Amino acid sequence: MRQYIALIHKDPGSDYGVSFPDLPGCVSAGVDLDDARRMAEEALAQHLAGMAEDEEPIPEPSSLEAVMADRENRDAVAILVNAPPATGKAVRVNMTIPEDELQRIDKFAAAHGMTRSGFLLYAAKKALRLAEIAEGRGSAVAKTRANSVKSDAREVNPLQELSEMVEFSHFGLPADRTLEDPEADDLLETMRELENKLRLRSGRSR
């Protein structure tokens, strides 16, 4: 199995960037080192797949000594990333994209040394990864609140619970924070009004 050297670098206030000296344009990023390593594997796989689809020659991996001979690479952390099996088959697909958007895609891909296929695959992988992260965080929030409800014997007003859930989950803020988002504030205010009406009706029925 071939292994390519990836360089992980980080600037202040940024994510961990990943690049492959042997494959210009094959770049990615992660929120931490582990995420950067995972994204490096995905970036390498999709870049090689794009090159294969475009029938471009795939270079052999360079040695660590050759990579580090370049002074610009010495401030980065070098890792080995496994290339996917050569038996992986690239599938040609037909897509319909507005002409102006396609021009933007091609311009961006060319500016970053990527093929159109490689960029589209990279963007799709990135979106899927972000969705997985968001889904994981949502599950963690739901689990935390479920445990809280189990340990609390008080009667729960479903509408109030929903209001607290929205406040808690919106941008990751705690439930006691006042949101500055006008649409979120309007939604919460409406929910509170409905809650008060339900509470008044409940009191009258008693």
Protein backbone atom coordinates (compact mmCIF):
# COMPACT_ATOMS: atom_id res chain seq x y z
CA MET A 1 0.00 0.00 0.00
CA ARG A 2 1.36 3.40 -0.98
CA GLN A 3 1.74 6.09 1.65
CA TYR A 4 1.97 9.79 0.96
CA ILE A 5 3.45 12.37 3.31
CA ALA A 6 1.00 14.97 4.54
CA LEU A 7 2.06 18.15 6.32
CA ILE A 8 -0.05 19.48 9.17
CA HIS A 9 0.35 23.15 9.93
CA LYS A 10 -1.56 25.65 12.05
CA ASP A 11 -1.73 29.42 12.07
CA PRO A 12 -3.01 31.36 15.09
CA GLY A 13 -6.79 31.40 15.17
CA SER A 14 -7.18 28.82 12.40
CA ASP A 15 -7.93 25.12 12.06
CA TYR A 16 -5.20 22.54 11.48
CA GLY A 17 -4.40 22.71 7.77
CA VAL A 18 -3.27 19.68 5.76
CA SER A 19 -1.38 19.61 2.48
CA PHE A 20 0.40 16.99 0.37
CA PRO A 21 3.73 18.10 -1.18
CA ASP A 22 3.46 15.41 -3.85
CA LEU A 23 -0.07 16.42 -4.83
CA PRO A 24 -0.49 20.19 -5.31
CA GLY A 25 -4.05 21.21 -4.60
CA CYS A 26 -4.73 18.26 -2.32
CA VAL A 27 -5.56 20.16 0.85
CA SER A 28 -7.89 19.84 3.81
CA ALA A 29 -8.31 20.97 7.41
CA GLY A 30 -9.51 19.70 10.78
CA VAL A 31 -10.64 21.22 14.05
CA ASP A 32 -7.97 19.24 15.91
CA LEU A 33 -5.09 16.90 15.10
CA ASP A 34 -7.22 13.75 15.03
CA ASP A 35 -9.78 15.42 12.79
CA ALA A 36 -6.99 16.73 10.55
CA ARG A 37 -5.64 13.20 10.13
CA ARG A 38 -9.10 11.87 9.19
CA MET A 39 -9.66 14.69 6.74
CA ALA A 40 -6.21 14.07 5.24
CA GLU A 41 -7.21 10.50 4.42
CA GLU A 42 -10.44 11.68 2.77
CA ALA A 43 -8.67 14.45 0.85
CA LEU A 44 -6.06 12.04 -0.47
CA ALA A 45 -8.65 9.50 -1.55
CA GLN A 46 -10.82 12.01 -3.38
CA HIS A 47 -7.85 13.76 -5.00
CA LEU A 48 -6.44 10.51 -6.38
CA ALA A 49 -9.92 9.50 -7.55
CA GLY A 50 -10.26 12.80 -9.39
CA MET A 51 -6.88 12.36 -11.04
CA ALA A 52 -7.80 8.84 -12.12
CA GLU A 53 -11.09 10.03 -13.57
CA ASP A 54 -9.31 12.77 -15.51
CA GLU A 55 -6.67 10.21 -16.59
CA GLU A 56 -3.86 12.23 -15.04
CA PRO A 57 -0.62 10.46 -14.08
CA ILE A 58 -0.39 9.78 -10.34
CA PRO A 59 3.06 10.56 -8.92
CA GLU A 60 4.99 8.19 -6.72
CA PRO A 61 5.29 9.21 -3.04
CA SER A 62 8.39 11.18 -2.08
CA SER A 63 10.61 10.22 0.82
CA LEU A 64 10.53 12.13 4.10
CA GLU A 65 14.06 13.34 3.43
CA ALA A 66 13.05 14.79 0.08
CA VAL A 67 10.02 16.54 1.54
CA MET A 68 11.94 18.03 4.45
CA ALA A 69 14.69 19.23 2.15
CA ASP A 70 12.36 22.11 1.37
CA ARG A 71 12.78 24.70 4.13
CA GLU A 72 9.13 25.76 3.87
CA ASN A 73 8.06 22.29 5.04
CA ARG A 74 10.18 22.14 8.18
CA ASP A 75 7.74 24.05 10.39
CA ALA A 76 4.98 21.51 9.73
CA VAL A 77 4.31 18.13 11.29
CA ALA A 78 4.74 15.29 8.78
CA ILE A 79 2.45 12.24 8.87
CA LEU A 80 2.06 9.23 6.59
CA VAL A 81 -1.35 8.79 4.98
CA ASN A 82 -2.36 5.54 3.31
CA ALA A 83 -3.52 5.82 -0.27
CA PRO A 84 -6.72 3.90 -1.08
CA PRO A 85 -6.37 0.59 -2.92
CA ALA A 86 -5.65 1.01 -6.61
CA THR A 87 -8.64 -1.22 -7.39
CA GLY A 88 -11.03 1.58 -6.47
CA LYS A 89 -13.13 2.37 -9.52
CA ALA A 90 -13.99 5.94 -10.43
CA VAL A 91 -17.56 6.32 -11.69
CA ARG A 92 -18.45 9.01 -14.21
CA VAL A 93 -21.64 10.92 -13.38
CA ASN A 94 -23.69 13.51 -15.22
CA MET A 95 -24.63 16.68 -13.35
CA THR A 96 -26.72 19.73 -14.15
CA ILE A 97 -25.28 22.95 -12.71
CA PRO A 98 -26.08 26.56 -13.57
CA GLU A 99 -23.45 27.92 -15.96
CA ASP A 100 -22.42 30.83 -13.74
CA GLU A 101 -21.98 28.51 -10.73
CA LEU A 102 -19.93 26.08 -12.82
CA GLN A 103 -17.65 28.93 -13.85
CA ARG A 104 -17.13 29.86 -10.21
CA ILE A 105 -16.37 26.24 -9.34
CA ASP A 106 -13.84 25.90 -12.16
CA LYS A 107 -12.18 29.20 -11.27
CA PHE A 108 -11.85 28.24 -7.61
CA ALA A 109 -10.61 24.73 -8.40
CA ALA A 110 -8.00 26.02 -10.85
CA ALA A 111 -6.79 28.66 -8.39
CA HIS A 112 -6.18 25.92 -5.81
CA GLY A 113 -4.61 23.41 -8.18
CA MET A 114 -7.61 21.09 -8.14
CA THR A 115 -9.63 19.42 -10.87
CA ARG A 116 -13.35 20.06 -11.13
CA SER A 117 -14.11 16.50 -10.04
CA GLY A 118 -11.62 16.66 -7.20
CA PHE A 119 -13.08 19.91 -5.88
CA LEU A 120 -16.70 18.73 -6.06
CA LEU A 121 -15.78 15.53 -4.26
CA TYR A 122 -13.84 17.51 -1.65
CA ALA A 123 -16.79 19.86 -1.07
CA ALA A 124 -19.20 16.94 -0.75
CA LYS A 125 -16.95 15.12 1.73
CA LYS A 126 -16.55 18.29 3.75
CA ALA A 127 -20.31 18.84 3.92
CA LEU A 128 -20.86 15.22 4.99
CA ARG A 129 -18.20 15.56 7.68
CA LEU A 130 -19.75 18.75 9.05
CA ALA A 131 -23.16 17.06 9.08
CA GLU A 132 -21.73 14.13 11.05
CA ILE A 133 -20.16 16.50 13.58
CA ALA A 134 -23.41 18.46 13.95
CA GLU A 135 -25.41 15.26 14.33
CA GLY A 136 -23.01 14.03 17.00
CA ARG A 137 -23.33 17.26 18.95
CA GLY A 138 -27.11 17.17 18.65
CA SER A 139 -27.20 13.62 19.99
CA ALA A 140 -25.00 14.62 22.91
CA VAL A 141 -27.31 17.53 23.78
CA ALA A 142 -30.40 15.30 23.56
CA LYS A 143 -28.78 12.65 25.76
CA THR A 144 -27.76 15.23 28.36
CA ARG A 145 -31.27 16.65 28.56
CA ALA A 146 -32.82 13.17 28.70
CA ASN A 147 -30.65 12.28 31.68
CA SER A 148 -31.62 15.55 33.32
CA VAL A 149 -35.33 14.81 32.90
CA LYS A 150 -34.94 11.33 34.38
CA SER A 151 -33.27 12.70 37.49
CA ASP A 152 -35.90 15.43 37.98
CA ALA A 153 -39.20 14.30 39.48
CA ARG A 154 -41.07 17.56 38.74
CA GLU A 155 -43.95 17.71 36.26
CA VAL A 156 -42.61 18.93 32.92
CA ASN A 157 -44.54 21.35 30.73
CA PRO A 158 -43.85 20.13 27.17
CA LEU A 159 -43.99 23.63 25.72
CA GLN A 160 -41.58 24.97 28.33
CA GLU A 161 -39.28 22.02 27.69
CA LEU A 162 -39.31 22.81 23.97
CA SER A 163 -38.55 26.47 24.66
CA GLU A 164 -35.59 25.54 26.84
CA MET A 165 -34.35 23.09 24.22
CA VAL A 166 -34.37 25.81 21.54
CA GLU A 167 -32.55 28.24 23.82
CA PHE A 168 -30.03 25.61 24.88
CA SER A 169 -29.22 24.38 21.39
CA HIS A 170 -29.20 27.66 19.47
CA PHE A 171 -25.54 28.30 18.66
CA GLY A 172 -24.59 26.15 21.65
CA LEU A 173 -25.64 28.81 24.19
CA PRO A 174 -26.85 27.88 27.70
CA ALA A 175 -30.55 28.19 28.48
CA ASP A 176 -30.15 31.28 30.69
CA ARG A 177 -28.51 33.37 27.95
CA THR A 178 -30.48 36.07 26.11
CA LEU A 179 -30.16 35.58 22.37
CA GLU A 180 -29.47 38.51 20.08
CA ASP A 181 -30.87 36.79 16.99
CA PRO A 182 -34.17 38.65 16.28
CA GLU A 183 -35.85 35.64 14.65
CA ALA A 184 -34.88 33.39 17.55
CA ASP A 185 -36.11 35.97 20.07
CA ASP A 186 -39.46 36.29 18.26
CA LEU A 187 -39.86 32.52 18.22
CA LEU A 188 -39.10 32.19 21.91
CA GLU A 189 -41.43 35.07 22.79
CA THR A 190 -44.25 33.43 20.87
CA MET A 191 -43.59 30.14 22.63
CA ARG A 192 -43.65 31.85 26.01
CA GLU A 193 -46.98 33.53 25.19
CA LEU A 194 -48.47 30.16 24.23
CA GLU A 195 -47.11 28.66 27.41
CA ASN A 196 -48.75 31.37 29.53
CA LYS A 197 -52.07 30.84 27.76
CA LEU A 198 -51.89 27.12 28.40
CA ARG A 199 -51.05 27.73 32.03
CA LEU A 200 -54.05 30.07 32.43
CA ARG A 201 -56.38 27.55 30.79
CA SER A 202 -55.02 24.82 33.01
CA GLY A 203 -55.68 26.94 36.11
CA ARG A 204 -59.24 27.67 35.06
CA SER A 205 -59.99 24.00 34.44
CA ARG A 206 -58.99 23.22 38.01
